[in-house]
PDB file of N, CA and C in Angstrom:
ATOM      1  N   MET A   1       0.849  -1.173  -0.017  1.00  0.00           N
ATOM      2  CA  MET A   1      -0.085  -0.041  -0.046  1.00  0.00           C
ATOM      3  C   MET A   1       0.923   1.145  -0.016  1.00  0.00           C
ATOM      4  N   SER A   2       0.583   2.245  -0.836  1.00  0.00           N
ATOM      5  CA  SER A   2       1.421   3.467  -0.923  1.00  0.00           C
ATOM      6  C   SER A   2       1.111   4.375   0.227  1.00  0.00           C
ATOM      7  N   LYS A   3       2.015   5.189   0.546  1.00  0.00           N
ATOM      8  CA  LYS A   3       1.939   6.170   1.635  1.00  0.00           C
ATOM      9  C   LYS A   3       1.050   7.249   1.177  1.00  0.00           C
ATOM     10  N   SER A   4       0.528   7.871   2.163  1.00  0.00           N
ATOM     11  CA  SER A   4      -0.505   8.944   1.788  1.00  0.00           C
ATOM     12  C   SER A   4      -0.080  10.417   2.231  1.00  0.00           C
ATOM     13  N   VAL A   5      -0.337  11.314   1.531  1.00  0.00           N
ATOM     14  CA  VAL A   5      -0.003  12.816   1.779  1.00  0.00           C
ATOM     15  C   VAL A   5      -1.282  13.622   1.784  1.00  0.00           C
ATOM     16  N   ALA A   6      -1.539  14.359   2.675  1.00  0.00           N
ATOM     17  CA  ALA A   6      -2.510  15.313   2.640  1.00  0.00           C
ATOM     18  C   ALA A   6      -1.906  16.763   2.413  1.00  0.00           C
ATOM     19  N   ILE A   7      -2.347  17.411   1.375  1.00  0.00           N
ATOM     20  CA  ILE A   7      -1.868  18.807   0.943  1.00  0.00           C
ATOM     21  C   ILE A   7      -2.952  19.867   1.358  1.00  0.00           C
ATOM     22  N   ILE A   8      -2.598  20.732   2.220  1.00  0.00           N
ATOM     23  CA  ILE A   8      -3.533  21.897   2.566  1.00  0.00           C
ATOM     24  C   ILE A   8      -2.953  23.163   2.071  1.00  0.00           C
ATOM     25  N   GLU A   9      -3.466  23.444   0.920  1.00  0.00           N
ATOM     26  CA  GLU A   9      -2.819  24.515   0.183  1.00  0.00           C
ATOM     27  C   GLU A   9      -4.099  25.212  -0.662  1.00  0.00           C
ATOM     28  N   ASP A  10      -4.041  26.552  -0.689  1.00  0.00           N
ATOM     29  CA  ASP A  10      -5.154  27.245  -1.396  1.00  0.00           C
ATOM     30  C   ASP A  10      -4.764  27.697  -2.905  1.00  0.00           C
ATOM     31  N   GLU A  11      -3.659  27.498  -3.282  1.00  0.00           N
ATOM     32  CA  GLU A  11      -3.243  27.796  -4.644  1.00  0.00           C
ATOM     33  C   GLU A  11      -3.251  26.723  -5.437  1.00  0.00           C
ATOM     34  N   PRO A  12      -4.209  26.835  -6.451  1.00  0.00           N
ATOM     35  CA  PRO A  12      -4.410  25.643  -7.367  1.00  0.00           C
ATOM     36  C   PRO A  12      -3.193  25.192  -8.036  1.00  0.00           C
ATOM     37  N   PHE A  13      -2.454  26.097  -8.570  1.00  0.00           N
ATOM     38  CA  PHE A  13      -1.248  25.593  -9.423  1.00  0.00           C
ATOM     39  C   PHE A  13      -0.201  24.861  -8.567  1.00  0.00           C
ATOM     40  N   ILE A  14      -0.123  25.110  -7.231  1.00  0.00           N
ATOM     41  CA  ILE A  14       0.758  24.557  -6.458  1.00  0.00           C
ATOM     42  C   ILE A  14       0.197  23.175  -6.029  1.00  0.00           C
ATOM     43  N   VAL A  15      -1.036  23.116  -5.792  1.00  0.00           N
ATOM     44  CA  VAL A  15      -1.616  21.817  -5.597  1.00  0.00           C
ATOM     45  C   VAL A  15      -1.535  20.833  -6.819  1.00  0.00           C
ATOM     46  N   GLU A  16      -1.750  21.361  -7.854  1.00  0.00           N
ATOM     47  CA  GLU A  16      -1.703  20.549  -9.141  1.00  0.00           C
ATOM     48  C   GLU A  16      -0.218  20.091  -9.284  1.00  0.00           C
ATOM     49  N   ALA A  17       0.846  20.961  -9.038  1.00  0.00           N
ATOM     50  CA  ALA A  17       2.228  20.613  -9.262  1.00  0.00           C
ATOM     51  C   ALA A  17       2.637  19.525  -8.122  1.00  0.00           C
ATOM     52  N   LEU A  18       2.184  19.803  -6.879  1.00  0.00           N
ATOM     53  CA  LEU A  18       2.593  18.846  -5.810  1.00  0.00           C
ATOM     54  C   LEU A  18       1.969  17.481  -6.156  1.00  0.00           C
ATOM     55  N   THR A  19       0.689  17.502  -6.390  1.00  0.00           N
ATOM     56  CA  THR A  19      -0.023  16.284  -6.717  1.00  0.00           C
ATOM     57  C   THR A  19       0.685  15.536  -7.718  1.00  0.00           C
ATOM     58  N   PHE A  20       1.106  16.169  -8.776  1.00  0.00           N
ATOM     59  CA  PHE A  20       1.814  15.462  -9.917  1.00  0.00           C
ATOM     60  C   PHE A  20       3.038  14.874  -9.479  1.00  0.00           C
ATOM     61  N   LEU A  21       3.816  15.648  -8.745  1.00  0.00           N
ATOM     62  CA  LEU A  21       5.148  15.280  -8.364  1.00  0.00           C
ATOM     63  C   LEU A  21       5.102  14.008  -7.407  1.00  0.00           C
ATOM     64  N   LEU A  22       4.187  14.124  -6.362  1.00  0.00           N
ATOM     65  CA  LEU A  22       4.103  13.143  -5.423  1.00  0.00           C
ATOM     66  C   LEU A  22       3.434  11.834  -5.934  1.00  0.00           C
ATOM     67  N   GLU A  23       2.506  11.979  -6.849  1.00  0.00           N
ATOM     68  CA  GLU A  23       1.753  10.861  -7.315  1.00  0.00           C
ATOM     69  C   GLU A  23       2.873  10.052  -8.286  1.00  0.00           C
ATOM     70  N   ARG A  24       3.681  10.850  -8.975  1.00  0.00           N
ATOM     71  CA  ARG A  24       4.815  10.237  -9.812  1.00  0.00           C
ATOM     72  C   ARG A  24       5.851   9.450  -8.912  1.00  0.00           C
ATOM     73  N   ALA A  25       5.907  10.016  -7.715  1.00  0.00           N
ATOM     74  CA  ALA A  25       6.869   9.324  -6.740  1.00  0.00           C
ATOM     75  C   ALA A  25       6.206   8.120  -6.103  1.00  0.00           C
ATOM     76  N   GLY A  26       4.982   7.759  -6.519  1.00  0.00           N
ATOM     77  CA  GLY A  26       4.240   6.549  -5.834  1.00  0.00           C
ATOM     78  C   GLY A  26       3.376   6.860  -4.734  1.00  0.00           C
ATOM     79  N   LEU A  27       3.110   8.137  -4.303  1.00  0.00           N
ATOM     80  CA  LEU A  27       2.307   8.476  -3.163  1.00  0.00           C
ATOM     81  C   LEU A  27       0.836   8.657  -3.427  1.00  0.00           C
ATOM     82  N   THR A  28      -0.035   8.361  -2.607  1.00  0.00           N
ATOM     83  CA  THR A  28      -1.440   8.866  -2.732  1.00  0.00           C
ATOM     84  C   THR A  28      -1.591  10.150  -2.059  1.00  0.00           C
ATOM     85  N   VAL A  29      -2.317  11.081  -2.790  1.00  0.00           N
ATOM     86  CA  VAL A  29      -2.410  12.442  -2.546  1.00  0.00           C
ATOM     87  C   VAL A  29      -3.876  12.777  -2.326  1.00  0.00           C
ATOM     88  N   ARG A  30      -4.227  13.588  -1.298  1.00  0.00           N
ATOM     89  CA  ARG A  30      -5.475  14.057  -0.931  1.00  0.00           C
ATOM     90  C   ARG A  30      -5.230  15.686  -0.728  1.00  0.00           C
ATOM     91  N   SER A  31      -6.109  16.484  -1.333  1.00  0.00           N
ATOM     92  CA  SER A  31      -5.787  17.964  -1.105  1.00  0.00           C
ATOM     93  C   SER A  31      -7.037  18.688  -0.666  1.00  0.00           C
ATOM     94  N   PHE A  32      -6.757  19.827   0.119  1.00  0.00           N
ATOM     95  CA  PHE A  32      -7.759  20.606   0.683  1.00  0.00           C
ATOM     96  C   PHE A  32      -7.276  22.093   0.228  1.00  0.00           C
ATOM     97  N   ALA A  33      -8.338  22.974  -0.313  1.00  0.00           N
ATOM     98  CA  ALA A  33      -8.034  24.347  -0.790  1.00  0.00           C
ATOM     99  C   ALA A  33      -8.153  25.250   0.485  1.00  0.00           C
ATOM    100  N   ASN A  34      -8.567  24.769   1.623  1.00  0.00           N
ATOM    101  CA  ASN A  34      -8.565  25.717   2.775  1.00  0.00           C
ATOM    102  C   ASN A  34      -8.662  24.745   4.067  1.00  0.00           C
ATOM    103  N   GLY A  35      -8.583  25.282   5.228  1.00  0.00           N
ATOM    104  CA  GLY A  35      -8.568  24.573   6.373  1.00  0.00           C
ATOM    105  C   GLY A  35      -9.855  23.766   6.726  1.00  0.00           C
ATOM    106  N   ALA A  36     -10.960  24.218   6.171  1.00  0.00           N
ATOM    107  CA  ALA A  36     -12.270  23.548   6.458  1.00  0.00           C
ATOM    108  C   ALA A  36     -12.277  21.996   6.071  1.00  0.00           C
ATOM    109  N   GLY A  37     -12.512  21.271   6.844  1.00  0.00           N
ATOM    110  CA  GLY A  37     -12.563  19.812   6.585  1.00  0.00           C
ATOM    111  C   GLY A  37     -11.157  19.068   6.704  1.00  0.00           C
ATOM    112  N   SER A  38     -10.042  19.820   6.614  1.00  0.00           N
ATOM    113  CA  SER A  38      -8.784  19.178   6.682  1.00  0.00           C
ATOM    114  C   SER A  38      -8.510  18.617   8.030  1.00  0.00           C
ATOM    115  N   ILE A  39      -8.882  19.285   9.140  1.00  0.00           N
ATOM    116  CA  ILE A  39      -8.493  18.734  10.348  1.00  0.00           C
ATOM    117  C   ILE A  39      -9.370  17.396  10.800  1.00  0.00           C
ATOM    118  N   GLU A  40     -10.556  17.429  10.234  1.00  0.00           N
ATOM    119  CA  GLU A  40     -11.353  16.117  10.471  1.00  0.00           C
ATOM    120  C   GLU A  40     -10.894  14.958   9.694  1.00  0.00           C
ATOM    121  N   PHE A  41     -10.436  15.328   8.341  1.00  0.00           N
ATOM    122  CA  PHE A  41      -9.810  14.302   7.566  1.00  0.00           C
ATOM    123  C   PHE A  41      -8.654  13.715   8.332  1.00  0.00           C
ATOM    124  N   ILE A  42      -7.714  14.572   8.674  1.00  0.00           N
ATOM    125  CA  ILE A  42      -6.462  14.120   9.163  1.00  0.00           C
ATOM    126  C   ILE A  42      -6.742  13.315  10.521  1.00  0.00           C
ATOM    127  N   GLN A  43      -7.677  13.715  11.347  1.00  0.00           N
ATOM    128  CA  GLN A  43      -8.032  12.907  12.486  1.00  0.00           C
ATOM    129  C   GLN A  43      -8.584  11.661  12.141  1.00  0.00           C
ATOM    130  N   GLN A  44      -9.483  11.464  11.157  1.00  0.00           N
ATOM    131  CA  GLN A  44     -10.215  10.257  10.713  1.00  0.00           C
ATOM    132  C   GLN A  44      -9.290   9.293   9.879  1.00  0.00           C
ATOM    133  N   VAL A  45      -8.488   9.862   8.925  1.00  0.00           N
ATOM    134  CA  VAL A  45      -7.773   8.941   7.993  1.00  0.00           C
ATOM    135  C   VAL A  45      -6.308   8.914   8.464  1.00  0.00           C
ATOM    136  N   THR A  46      -5.730   9.879   9.093  1.00  0.00           N
ATOM    137  CA  THR A  46      -4.328   9.855   9.617  1.00  0.00           C
ATOM    138  C   THR A  46      -3.449   9.651   8.436  1.00  0.00           C
ATOM    139  N   PRO A  47      -3.164  10.563   7.563  1.00  0.00           N
ATOM    140  CA  PRO A  47      -2.194  10.470   6.396  1.00  0.00           C
ATOM    141  C   PRO A  47      -0.838  10.155   6.947  1.00  0.00           C
ATOM    142  N   ASP A  48       0.032   9.733   6.152  1.00  0.00           N
ATOM    143  CA  ASP A  48       1.377   9.525   6.509  1.00  0.00           C
ATOM    144  C   ASP A  48       2.214  10.776   6.735  1.00  0.00           C
ATOM    145  N   LEU A  49       1.809  11.951   5.949  1.00  0.00           N
ATOM    146  CA  LEU A  49       2.541  13.177   6.002  1.00  0.00           C
ATOM    147  C   LEU A  49       1.448  14.304   5.714  1.00  0.00           C
ATOM    148  N   VAL A  50       1.590  15.519   6.319  1.00  0.00           N
ATOM    149  CA  VAL A  50       0.888  16.666   5.843  1.00  0.00           C
ATOM    150  C   VAL A  50       1.751  17.754   5.209  1.00  0.00           C
ATOM    151  N   ILE A  51       1.457  18.124   4.082  1.00  0.00           N
ATOM    152  CA  ILE A  51       2.119  19.460   3.533  1.00  0.00           C
ATOM    153  C   ILE A  51       1.107  20.616   3.755  1.00  0.00           C
ATOM    154  N   LEU A  52       1.572  21.485   4.471  1.00  0.00           N
ATOM    155  CA  LEU A  52       0.614  22.676   4.917  1.00  0.00           C
ATOM    156  C   LEU A  52       1.194  23.977   4.581  1.00  0.00           C
ATOM    157  N   ASP A  53       0.321  24.890   4.116  1.00  0.00           N
ATOM    158  CA  ASP A  53       0.613  26.451   3.864  1.00  0.00           C
ATOM    159  C   ASP A  53       0.218  27.091   5.131  1.00  0.00           C
ATOM    160  N   ILE A  54       0.891  28.251   5.351  1.00  0.00           N
ATOM    161  CA  ILE A  54       0.558  29.074   6.528  1.00  0.00           C
ATOM    162  C   ILE A  54      -0.688  29.798   6.210  1.00  0.00           C
ATOM    163  N   MET A  55      -0.766  30.478   5.150  1.00  0.00           N
ATOM    164  CA  MET A  55      -1.966  31.409   4.843  1.00  0.00           C
ATOM    165  C   MET A  55      -2.915  30.617   4.163  1.00  0.00           C
ATOM    166  N   LEU A  56      -4.116  30.461   4.728  1.00  0.00           N
ATOM    167  CA  LEU A  56      -5.191  29.681   4.219  1.00  0.00           C
ATOM    168  C   LEU A  56      -6.483  30.455   4.603  1.00  0.00           C
ATOM    169  N   PRO A  57      -7.402  30.324   3.737  1.00  0.00           N
ATOM    170  CA  PRO A  57      -8.803  30.712   4.150  1.00  0.00           C
ATOM    171  C   PRO A  57      -9.440  30.072   5.296  1.00  0.00           C
ATOM    172  N   ASN A  58     -10.160  30.551   5.984  1.00  0.00           N
ATOM    173  CA  ASN A  58     -11.006  30.021   7.301  1.00  0.00           C
ATOM    174  C   ASN A  58     -10.123  29.718   8.421  1.00  0.00           C
ATOM    175  N   ILE A  59      -9.032  29.101   8.325  1.00  0.00           N
ATOM    176  CA  ILE A  59      -8.168  28.763   9.418  1.00  0.00           C
ATOM    177  C   ILE A  59      -6.711  28.915   9.016  1.00  0.00           C
ATOM    178  N   SER A  60      -5.838  29.350   9.787  1.00  0.00           N
ATOM    179  CA  SER A  60      -4.402  29.391   9.426  1.00  0.00           C
ATOM    180  C   SER A  60      -3.706  28.040   9.457  1.00  0.00           C
ATOM    181  N   GLY A  61      -2.732  28.006   8.794  1.00  0.00           N
ATOM    182  CA  GLY A  61      -1.877  26.760   8.720  1.00  0.00           C
ATOM    183  C   GLY A  61      -1.224  26.514  10.214  1.00  0.00           C
ATOM    184  N   MET A  62      -0.927  27.692  10.906  1.00  0.00           N
ATOM    185  CA  MET A  62      -0.421  27.584  12.176  1.00  0.00           C
ATOM    186  C   MET A  62      -1.457  26.822  13.176  1.00  0.00           C
ATOM    187  N   GLU A  63      -2.680  27.276  12.901  1.00  0.00           N
ATOM    188  CA  GLU A  63      -3.771  26.848  13.874  1.00  0.00           C
ATOM    189  C   GLU A  63      -3.905  25.158  13.547  1.00  0.00           C
ATOM    190  N   ILE A  64      -3.839  24.795  12.268  1.00  0.00           N
ATOM    191  CA  ILE A  64      -3.965  23.404  11.970  1.00  0.00           C
ATOM    192  C   ILE A  64      -2.772  22.597  12.533  1.00  0.00           C
ATOM    193  N   LEU A  65      -1.510  23.187  12.420  1.00  0.00           N
ATOM    194  CA  LEU A  65      -0.378  22.560  13.007  1.00  0.00           C
ATOM    195  C   LEU A  65      -0.380  22.460  14.550  1.00  0.00           C
ATOM    196  N   GLU A  66      -0.961  23.487  15.177  1.00  0.00           N
ATOM    197  CA  GLU A  66      -1.052  23.410  16.691  1.00  0.00           C
ATOM    198  C   GLU A  66      -2.175  22.305  17.098  1.00  0.00           C
ATOM    199  N   ASN A  67      -3.329  22.186  16.126  1.00  0.00           N
ATOM    200  CA  ASN A  67      -4.302  21.180  16.365  1.00  0.00           C
ATOM    201  C   ASN A  67      -3.650  19.728  16.382  1.00  0.00           C
ATOM    202  N   ILE A  68      -2.789  19.628  15.340  1.00  0.00           N
ATOM    203  CA  ILE A  68      -2.292  18.278  14.928  1.00  0.00           C
ATOM    204  C   ILE A  68      -1.272  18.052  16.238  1.00  0.00           C
ATOM    205  N   ARG A  69      -0.545  19.028  16.729  1.00  0.00           N
ATOM    206  CA  ARG A  69       0.536  18.690  17.787  1.00  0.00           C
ATOM    207  C   ARG A  69      -0.179  18.471  19.073  1.00  0.00           C
ATOM    208  N   ASN A  70      -1.326  19.052  19.190  1.00  0.00           N
ATOM    209  CA  ASN A  70      -2.179  18.887  20.567  1.00  0.00           C
ATOM    210  C   ASN A  70      -2.974  17.721  20.647  1.00  0.00           C
ATOM    211  N   ASN A  71      -3.103  17.018  19.504  1.00  0.00           N
ATOM    212  CA  ASN A  71      -3.779  15.792  19.538  1.00  0.00           C
ATOM    213  C   ASN A  71      -2.825  14.490  19.734  1.00  0.00           C
ATOM    214  N   GLN A  72      -3.103  13.761  20.767  1.00  0.00           N
ATOM    215  CA  GLN A  72      -2.095  12.766  21.214  1.00  0.00           C
ATOM    216  C   GLN A  72      -1.912  11.723  20.164  1.00  0.00           C
ATOM    217  N   GLY A  73      -2.838  11.463  19.331  1.00  0.00           N
ATOM    218  CA  GLY A  73      -2.832  10.416  18.318  1.00  0.00           C
ATOM    219  C   GLY A  73      -2.096  10.907  17.100  1.00  0.00           C
ATOM    220  N   LEU A  74      -1.962  12.272  16.873  1.00  0.00           N
ATOM    221  CA  LEU A  74      -1.404  12.769  15.806  1.00  0.00           C
ATOM    222  C   LEU A  74      -0.011  13.492  16.083  1.00  0.00           C
ATOM    223  N   LYS A  75       0.465  13.456  17.332  1.00  0.00           N
ATOM    224  CA  LYS A  75       1.573  14.246  17.760  1.00  0.00           C
ATOM    225  C   LYS A  75       2.849  13.927  16.814  1.00  0.00           C
ATOM    226  N   ARG A  76       2.973  12.628  16.395  1.00  0.00           N
ATOM    227  CA  ARG A  76       4.141  12.290  15.726  1.00  0.00           C
ATOM    228  C   ARG A  76       4.019  12.389  14.100  1.00  0.00           C
ATOM    229  N   LEU A  77       2.880  12.786  13.675  1.00  0.00           N
ATOM    230  CA  LEU A  77       2.619  12.824  12.267  1.00  0.00           C
ATOM    231  C   LEU A  77       3.497  13.877  11.644  1.00  0.00           C
ATOM    232  N   PRO A  78       4.264  13.620  10.627  1.00  0.00           N
ATOM    233  CA  PRO A  78       5.274  14.560  10.042  1.00  0.00           C
ATOM    234  C   PRO A  78       4.588  15.547   9.330  1.00  0.00           C
ATOM    235  N   VAL A  79       4.841  16.851   9.517  1.00  0.00           N
ATOM    236  CA  VAL A  79       4.324  17.981   8.864  1.00  0.00           C
ATOM    237  C   VAL A  79       5.355  18.758   8.300  1.00  0.00           C
ATOM    238  N   LEU A  80       5.189  19.112   6.950  1.00  0.00           N
ATOM    239  CA  LEU A  80       6.110  19.937   6.146  1.00  0.00           C
ATOM    240  C   LEU A  80       5.353  21.156   5.874  1.00  0.00           C
ATOM    241  N   MET A  81       5.876  22.287   6.370  1.00  0.00           N
ATOM    242  CA  MET A  81       5.273  23.655   6.069  1.00  0.00           C
ATOM    243  C   MET A  81       5.808  24.212   4.886  1.00  0.00           C
ATOM    244  N   LEU A  82       4.934  24.478   3.833  1.00  0.00           N
ATOM    245  CA  LEU A  82       5.440  24.931   2.475  1.00  0.00           C
ATOM    246  C   LEU A  82       4.722  26.403   2.317  1.00  0.00           C
ATOM    247  N   THR A  83       5.524  27.345   2.444  1.00  0.00           N
ATOM    248  CA  THR A  83       4.777  28.700   2.394  1.00  0.00           C
ATOM    249  C   THR A  83       5.698  29.785   1.696  1.00  0.00           C
ATOM    250  N   ALA A  84       5.003  30.884   1.340  1.00  0.00           N
ATOM    251  CA  ALA A  84       5.561  31.962   0.764  1.00  0.00           C
ATOM    252  C   ALA A  84       6.182  32.805   1.834  1.00  0.00           C
ATOM    253  N   LYS A  85       5.591  32.679   3.014  1.00  0.00           N
ATOM    254  CA  LYS A  85       6.129  33.530   4.227  1.00  0.00           C
ATOM    255  C   LYS A  85       7.426  32.945   4.754  1.00  0.00           C
ATOM    256  N   GLY A  86       8.518  33.494   4.236  1.00  0.00           N
ATOM    257  CA  GLY A  86       9.877  32.827   4.505  1.00  0.00           C
ATOM    258  C   GLY A  86      10.666  33.640   5.666  1.00  0.00           C
ATOM    259  N   GLN A  87       9.953  34.602   6.236  1.00  0.00           N
ATOM    260  CA  GLN A  87      10.721  35.409   7.215  1.00  0.00           C
ATOM    261  C   GLN A  87      11.166  34.650   8.367  1.00  0.00           C
ATOM    262  N   LYS A  88      12.182  35.056   8.945  1.00  0.00           N
ATOM    263  CA  LYS A  88      12.818  34.240  10.168  1.00  0.00           C
ATOM    264  C   LYS A  88      11.686  34.170  11.181  1.00  0.00           C
ATOM    265  N   ARG A  89      10.849  35.008  11.495  1.00  0.00           N
ATOM    266  CA  ARG A  89       9.878  34.889  12.494  1.00  0.00           C
ATOM    267  C   ARG A  89       8.854  33.845  12.119  1.00  0.00           C
ATOM    268  N   ASP A  90       8.423  33.718  10.859  1.00  0.00           N
ATOM    269  CA  ASP A  90       7.524  32.769  10.482  1.00  0.00           C
ATOM    270  C   ASP A  90       8.173  31.348  10.657  1.00  0.00           C
ATOM    271  N   ARG A  91       9.433  31.127  10.223  1.00  0.00           N
ATOM    272  CA  ARG A  91      10.118  30.072  10.435  1.00  0.00           C
ATOM    273  C   ARG A  91      10.161  29.644  11.890  1.00  0.00           C
ATOM    274  N   LYS A  92      10.510  30.488  12.640  1.00  0.00           N
ATOM    275  CA  LYS A  92      10.742  30.223  14.109  1.00  0.00           C
ATOM    276  C   LYS A  92       9.430  29.804  14.816  1.00  0.00           C
ATOM    277  N   ALA A  93       8.289  30.442  14.448  1.00  0.00           N
ATOM    278  CA  ALA A  93       6.994  30.156  14.919  1.00  0.00           C
ATOM    279  C   ALA A  93       6.651  28.820  14.503  1.00  0.00           C
ATOM    280  N   ALA A  94       6.769  28.551  13.295  1.00  0.00           N
ATOM    281  CA  ALA A  94       6.491  27.155  12.798  1.00  0.00           C
ATOM    282  C   ALA A  94       7.352  26.101  13.518  1.00  0.00           C
ATOM    283  N   ILE A  95       8.598  26.218  13.662  1.00  0.00           N
ATOM    284  CA  ILE A  95       9.494  25.349  14.371  1.00  0.00           C
ATOM    285  C   ILE A  95       9.034  25.253  15.850  1.00  0.00           C
ATOM    286  N   ASP A  96       8.786  26.384  16.429  1.00  0.00           N
ATOM    287  CA  ASP A  96       8.381  26.316  17.868  1.00  0.00           C
ATOM    288  C   ASP A  96       6.934  25.534  18.029  1.00  0.00           C
ATOM    289  N   ALA A  97       6.180  25.622  16.956  1.00  0.00           N
ATOM    290  CA  ALA A  97       4.872  24.915  17.081  1.00  0.00           C
ATOM    291  C   ALA A  97       4.996  23.389  16.625  1.00  0.00           C
ATOM    292  N   GLY A  98       6.127  23.007  16.311  1.00  0.00           N
ATOM    293  CA  GLY A  98       6.388  21.421  16.090  1.00  0.00           C
ATOM    294  C   GLY A  98       6.368  21.121  14.589  1.00  0.00           C
ATOM    295  N   VAL A  99       6.614  21.934  13.724  1.00  0.00           N
ATOM    296  CA  VAL A  99       6.740  21.592  12.294  1.00  0.00           C
ATOM    297  C   VAL A  99       8.069  20.696  12.157  1.00  0.00           C
ATOM    298  N   ASP A 100       8.092  19.738  11.250  1.00  0.00           N
ATOM    299  CA  ASP A 100       9.097  18.892  10.992  1.00  0.00           C
ATOM    300  C   ASP A 100      10.154  19.451  10.013  1.00  0.00           C
ATOM    301  N   LEU A 101       9.696  20.234   9.025  1.00  0.00           N
ATOM    302  CA  LEU A 101      10.431  20.718   7.971  1.00  0.00           C
ATOM    303  C   LEU A 101       9.693  22.101   7.564  1.00  0.00           C
ATOM    304  N   PHE A 102      10.484  23.147   7.113  1.00  0.00           N
ATOM    305  CA  PHE A 102       9.861  24.373   6.853  1.00  0.00           C
ATOM    306  C   PHE A 102      10.626  24.691   5.408  1.00  0.00           C
ATOM    307  N   MET A 103       9.717  24.790   4.417  1.00  0.00           N
ATOM    308  CA  MET A 103      10.291  25.124   3.038  1.00  0.00           C
ATOM    309  C   MET A 103       9.659  26.314   2.515  1.00  0.00           C
ATOM    310  N   THR A 104      10.304  27.128   1.668  1.00  0.00           N
ATOM    311  CA  THR A 104       9.697  28.261   1.174  1.00  0.00           C
ATOM    312  C   THR A 104       9.344  28.087  -0.424  1.00  0.00           C
ATOM    313  N   LYS A 105       8.276  28.868  -0.837  1.00  0.00           N
ATOM    314  CA  LYS A 105       8.027  28.917  -2.158  1.00  0.00           C
ATOM    315  C   LYS A 105       8.804  30.043  -2.799  1.00  0.00           C
ATOM    316  N   PRO A 106       9.228  30.030  -3.951  1.00  0.00           N
ATOM    317  CA  PRO A 106       9.125  28.892  -4.822  1.00  0.00           C
ATOM    318  C   PRO A 106      10.151  27.754  -4.394  1.00  0.00           C
ATOM    319  N   PHE A 107       9.879  26.514  -4.707  1.00  0.00           N
ATOM    320  CA  PHE A 107      10.687  25.416  -4.165  1.00  0.00           C
ATOM    321  C   PHE A 107      11.229  24.548  -5.426  1.00  0.00           C
ATOM    322  N   SER A 108      12.266  23.850  -5.210  1.00  0.00           N
ATOM    323  CA  SER A 108      12.795  22.915  -6.192  1.00  0.00           C
ATOM    324  C   SER A 108      11.949  21.692  -6.179  1.00  0.00           C
ATOM    325  N   ASN A 109      11.572  21.226  -7.321  1.00  0.00           N
ATOM    326  CA  ASN A 109      10.767  19.922  -7.355  1.00  0.00           C
ATOM    327  C   ASN A 109      11.479  18.810  -6.722  1.00  0.00           C
ATOM    328  N   ASP A 110      12.735  18.696  -7.211  1.00  0.00           N
ATOM    329  CA  ASP A 110      13.545  17.538  -6.619  1.00  0.00           C
ATOM    330  C   ASP A 110      13.821  17.530  -5.058  1.00  0.00           C
ATOM    331  N   GLU A 111      14.106  18.870  -4.666  1.00  0.00           N
ATOM    332  CA  GLU A 111      14.299  18.903  -3.213  1.00  0.00           C
ATOM    333  C   GLU A 111      13.086  18.624  -2.470  1.00  0.00           C
ATOM    334  N   LEU A 112      11.910  19.117  -2.954  1.00  0.00           N
ATOM    335  CA  LEU A 112      10.612  18.912  -2.301  1.00  0.00           C
ATOM    336  C   LEU A 112      10.295  17.361  -2.168  1.00  0.00           C
ATOM    337  N   VAL A 113      10.425  16.789  -3.434  1.00  0.00           N
ATOM    338  CA  VAL A 113      10.164  15.318  -3.353  1.00  0.00           C
ATOM    339  C   VAL A 113      11.069  14.430  -2.419  1.00  0.00           C
ATOM    340  N   ALA A 114      12.421  14.853  -2.420  1.00  0.00           N
ATOM    341  CA  ALA A 114      13.383  14.170  -1.628  1.00  0.00           C
ATOM    342  C   ALA A 114      13.243  14.505  -0.232  1.00  0.00           C
ATOM    343  N   SER A 115      12.558  15.676   0.304  1.00  0.00           N
ATOM    344  CA  SER A 115      12.334  16.009   1.581  1.00  0.00           C
ATOM    345  C   SER A 115      11.075  15.248   2.079  1.00  0.00           C
ATOM    346  N   VAL A 116      10.132  15.104   1.119  1.00  0.00           N
ATOM    347  CA  VAL A 116       8.753  14.405   1.472  1.00  0.00           C
ATOM    348  C   VAL A 116       9.130  12.866   1.783  1.00  0.00           C
ATOM    349  N   LEU A 117      10.023  12.261   0.868  1.00  0.00           N
ATOM    350  CA  LEU A 117      10.382  10.841   0.958  1.00  0.00           C
ATOM    351  C   LEU A 117      11.183  10.637   2.345  1.00  0.00           C
ATOM    352  N   ASP A 118      12.143  11.594   2.491  1.00  0.00           N
ATOM    353  CA  ASP A 118      12.901  11.591   3.867  1.00  0.00           C
ATOM    354  C   ASP A 118      12.012  11.558   4.968  1.00  0.00           C
ATOM    355  N   LEU A 119      11.015  12.499   5.006  1.00  0.00           N
ATOM    356  CA  LEU A 119      10.081  12.591   6.157  1.00  0.00           C
ATOM    357  C   LEU A 119       9.240  11.377   6.285  1.00  0.00           C
ATOM    358  N   LEU A 120       8.910  10.658   5.126  1.00  0.00           N
ATOM    359  CA  LEU A 120       8.083   9.494   5.316  1.00  0.00           C
ATOM    360  C   LEU A 120       8.995   8.271   5.867  1.00  0.00           C
ATOM    361  N   ASP A 121      10.268   8.350   5.476  1.00  0.00           N
ATOM    362  CA  ASP A 121      11.191   7.218   5.857  1.00  0.00           C
ATOM    363  C   ASP A 121      11.641   7.410   7.354  1.00  0.00           C
ATOM    364  N   SER A 122      11.527   8.542   7.927  1.00  0.00           N
ATOM    365  CA  SER A 122      12.013   8.702   9.351  1.00  0.00           C
ATOM    366  C   SER A 122      11.133   8.212  10.411  1.00  0.00           C
TER     367      SER A 122
END
C-alpha cells in the first residue's frame, strides 16, 4: 500500500504541481483548498504526512499545525510547512509549534520530493 500525503494549500497551481510530483513518486495524495474539513480528515484518516501552507482561508496553517500537535494520536505525524512566508519569525513560529520541515515557495521539485520521502522514511 502506498503512503499517503494530505496537501492543505489554497493555490491551485501549487496543488496541481505537488499532486503530480508526489503521485509520480508513488504516493497517494488528497488535497484541501482551505482549512475547512482538513482537520477532520487528518483525525479520521491519519495520512502519513501533511504538507501545509501558513496562509489559508478560514483557518491558518499555524492553527492546523497546533491542532495536530495537541492531538495525542497525531503528535508524531510529520508536517512539512510549505509557504511563501519565509521570514525568520515565520520559520521560528512554525518550528516552535512543532513543524518537522519548513520550506519556502518557490521550491525545487527535486528537493521537495526528496524531503517528503525523507520525512516518510524517518
